[in-house]
Amino acid sequence: MDTTSPNPLTGTEGHSDPASRGEAAEAEFDAGAIADAEEFLQELPAPFAVGRPTAKRYAPLLVDSTTAQGWKLDDALVAELTKGQRPNNPQGALKTRIENLVRRHRAAATATVPGQVRQLRQSGAELPPHCGDLDCDELTRMKTTENEEGWRTTAPCADCHPGKVRKSAAAGT
């Protein structure tokens, strides 16, 4: 006769442990989405970039969170996952940030959109036309570049970010 009571936190029915949640999510999503998420996680800027084993563990969670919250694997998501102070444990912080990902429309309306772009949109003023560069995010007007060593940086686009366009126009007149 078993006299111990079952622990509801360790049961398998609800996939309550992270490993089983990841396996369940992986079964639900196609291999292409998981592979894209693994690559995305490995290419995050330092110190948030992860190696292959960690990317493989976090990818199903990322696909699940981004699908549920309306995100794409783009620069806006990079900005959301890496914003704020540098944590002591970037990989642990990354997992927590993925698990607690807010809906995209809320983040897009606040933190991921630079102040000048947000202010212009809220005031109804016209933004400069988007440059159309594939490395420039149309929502944030931030452009991602990569140096010779493979380090990626994101900065206001010189061609369509309102702050940069105004400065260059003022310098030219």
Protein backbone atom coordinates (compact mmCIF):
# COMPACT_ATOMS: atom_id res chain seq x y z
CA MET A 1 0.00 0.00 0.00
CA ASP A 2 1.35 3.39 -1.05
CA THR A 3 0.92 5.98 1.67
CA THR A 4 2.57 8.96 -0.02
CA SER A 5 0.33 11.50 -1.63
CA PRO A 6 1.02 12.41 -5.24
CA ASN A 7 2.71 15.75 -5.81
CA PRO A 8 0.61 17.74 -8.30
CA LEU A 9 3.68 19.68 -9.42
CA THR A 10 5.47 16.61 -10.72
CA GLY A 11 2.61 14.91 -12.55
CA THR A 12 2.92 14.20 -16.24
CA GLU A 13 -0.65 14.96 -17.28
CA GLY A 14 -0.28 18.73 -17.40
CA HIS A 15 3.32 18.81 -18.68
CA SER A 16 4.26 20.78 -15.59
CA ASP A 17 8.01 20.43 -15.88
CA PRO A 18 9.85 22.54 -18.49
CA ALA A 19 11.39 19.58 -20.30
CA SER A 20 8.05 17.92 -21.00
CA ARG A 21 6.54 21.28 -22.05
CA GLY A 22 9.35 21.72 -24.58
CA GLU A 23 8.83 18.21 -25.95
CA ALA A 24 5.09 18.78 -26.22
CA ALA A 25 5.61 22.11 -28.01
CA GLU A 26 8.14 20.52 -30.36
CA ALA A 27 5.58 17.89 -31.33
CA GLU A 28 3.01 20.61 -32.10
CA PHE A 29 5.18 22.77 -34.40
CA ASP A 30 6.80 21.90 -37.70
CA ALA A 31 10.51 21.20 -37.87
CA GLY A 32 11.12 24.34 -39.95
CA ALA A 33 9.71 26.63 -37.24
CA ILE A 34 11.84 24.90 -34.59
CA ALA A 35 14.97 25.15 -36.78
CA ASP A 36 14.32 28.86 -37.42
CA ALA A 37 13.91 29.45 -33.68
CA GLU A 38 17.17 27.59 -32.93
CA GLU A 39 19.03 29.75 -35.44
CA PHE A 40 17.40 32.92 -34.09
CA LEU A 41 18.49 32.09 -30.53
CA GLN A 42 22.07 31.40 -31.61
CA GLU A 43 22.27 34.75 -33.42
CA LEU A 44 21.04 36.97 -30.60
CA PRO A 45 23.50 39.70 -29.61
CA ALA A 46 25.96 38.99 -26.80
CA PRO A 47 25.51 38.09 -23.98
CA PHE A 48 22.13 36.55 -24.90
CA ALA A 49 23.27 34.32 -27.79
CA VAL A 50 23.14 30.65 -26.84
CA GLY A 51 24.92 27.56 -28.11
CA ARG A 52 23.33 24.68 -29.99
CA PRO A 53 22.24 22.56 -27.00
CA THR A 54 20.55 25.49 -25.27
CA ALA A 55 18.99 26.69 -28.54
CA LYS A 56 17.59 23.19 -29.07
CA ARG A 57 16.02 23.26 -25.58
CA TYR A 58 14.64 26.82 -25.84
CA ALA A 59 13.43 26.71 -29.47
CA PRO A 60 10.10 24.92 -28.82
CA LEU A 61 9.38 27.36 -25.99
CA LEU A 62 10.21 30.31 -28.25
CA VAL A 63 7.97 29.03 -31.04
CA ASP A 64 5.15 28.45 -28.56
CA SER A 65 5.49 31.92 -26.96
CA THR A 66 5.90 33.85 -30.21
CA THR A 67 2.94 32.08 -31.80
CA ALA A 68 0.71 32.70 -28.78
CA GLN A 69 1.76 36.33 -28.39
CA GLY A 70 1.85 37.42 -32.05
CA TRP A 71 5.61 37.86 -32.53
CA LYS A 72 7.81 37.10 -35.52
CA LEU A 73 11.48 36.17 -35.32
CA ASP A 74 12.61 39.70 -36.17
CA ASP A 75 14.51 42.70 -34.82
CA ALA A 76 11.56 43.79 -32.69
CA LEU A 77 11.69 40.43 -30.89
CA VAL A 78 15.46 40.77 -30.46
CA ALA A 79 14.89 44.18 -28.89
CA GLU A 80 12.18 42.81 -26.59
CA LEU A 81 14.24 39.82 -25.41
CA THR A 82 17.45 41.80 -24.85
CA LYS A 83 16.11 45.06 -23.45
CA GLY A 84 17.02 46.40 -20.03
CA GLN A 85 19.95 45.65 -17.79
CA ARG A 86 22.46 42.93 -18.54
CA PRO A 87 21.59 40.06 -16.22
CA ASN A 88 24.14 38.02 -14.29
CA ASN A 89 22.81 34.86 -15.95
CA PRO A 90 21.84 35.83 -19.53
CA GLN A 91 20.70 32.33 -20.53
CA GLY A 92 18.44 32.01 -17.51
CA ALA A 93 17.11 35.51 -18.07
CA LEU A 94 16.48 34.71 -21.74
CA LYS A 95 14.39 31.68 -20.83
CA THR A 96 12.35 33.74 -18.36
CA ARG A 97 11.88 36.50 -20.94
CA ILE A 98 10.68 33.97 -23.52
CA GLU A 99 8.26 32.42 -21.03
CA ASN A 100 6.91 35.86 -20.02
CA LEU A 101 6.76 37.39 -23.49
CA VAL A 102 4.06 40.06 -23.69
CA ARG A 103 1.69 40.45 -26.61
CA ARG A 104 3.41 42.11 -29.56
CA HIS A 105 0.97 45.01 -29.89
CA ARG A 106 1.66 46.08 -26.30
CA ALA A 107 5.42 45.90 -26.70
CA ALA A 108 5.27 47.59 -30.09
CA ALA A 109 3.35 50.48 -28.59
CA THR A 110 5.90 51.00 -25.85
CA ALA A 111 9.42 49.75 -25.32
CA THR A 112 10.47 48.29 -28.67
CA VAL A 113 9.63 51.44 -30.64
CA PRO A 114 12.17 54.24 -30.17
CA GLY A 115 10.81 57.35 -28.48
CA GLN A 116 10.89 59.62 -31.55
CA VAL A 117 9.03 57.09 -33.70
CA ARG A 118 6.46 56.47 -30.94
CA GLN A 119 5.90 60.22 -30.38
CA LEU A 120 5.37 60.88 -34.09
CA ARG A 121 2.88 58.01 -34.38
CA GLN A 122 0.95 59.12 -31.29
CA SER A 123 0.80 62.75 -32.45
CA GLY A 124 -0.42 61.73 -35.90
CA ALA A 125 2.60 63.39 -37.54
CA GLU A 126 3.95 61.79 -40.65
CA LEU A 127 6.96 59.52 -40.43
CA PRO A 128 9.61 59.67 -43.15
CA PRO A 129 8.94 56.90 -45.69
CA HIS A 130 10.43 53.52 -44.76
CA CYS A 131 13.68 52.90 -46.63
CA GLY A 132 12.66 49.37 -47.63
CA ASP A 133 15.99 47.87 -46.56
CA LEU A 134 15.48 44.25 -45.46
CA ASP A 135 17.74 44.87 -42.45
CA CYS A 136 15.59 47.81 -41.30
CA ASP A 137 12.51 47.07 -39.20
CA GLU A 138 9.56 49.10 -40.52
CA LEU A 139 7.90 49.29 -37.10
CA THR A 140 10.91 50.50 -35.09
CA ARG A 141 13.00 52.08 -37.90
CA MET A 142 16.01 50.30 -36.40
CA LYS A 143 18.59 48.75 -38.72
CA THR A 144 20.66 45.67 -37.92
CA THR A 145 24.21 45.49 -39.25
CA GLU A 146 26.88 42.84 -38.91
CA ASN A 147 30.61 43.52 -38.79
CA GLU A 148 33.41 41.38 -40.24
CA GLU A 149 33.63 39.33 -37.03
CA GLY A 150 29.92 38.46 -37.10
CA TRP A 151 28.81 40.79 -34.29
CA ARG A 152 25.36 42.22 -34.86
CA THR A 153 24.29 45.67 -33.72
CA THR A 154 21.00 47.48 -34.02
CA ALA A 155 20.84 51.26 -34.33
CA PRO A 156 18.47 53.91 -35.70
CA CYS A 157 18.35 53.71 -39.50
CA ALA A 158 20.12 56.67 -41.13
CA ASP A 159 17.67 56.55 -44.06
CA CYS A 160 14.26 56.44 -42.35
CA HIS A 161 14.51 56.89 -38.56
CA PRO A 162 12.95 60.30 -37.81
CA GLY A 163 15.79 61.44 -35.53
CA LYS A 164 18.48 60.57 -38.08
CA VAL A 165 16.56 61.99 -41.07
CA ARG A 166 15.93 65.32 -39.29
CA LYS A 167 19.61 65.63 -38.23
CA SER A 168 20.90 64.95 -41.74
CA ALA A 169 18.36 67.38 -43.25
CA ALA A 170 19.37 70.10 -40.76
CA ALA A 171 23.08 69.52 -41.50
CA GLY A 172 22.46 69.75 -45.26
CA THR A 173 20.68 73.11 -45.11
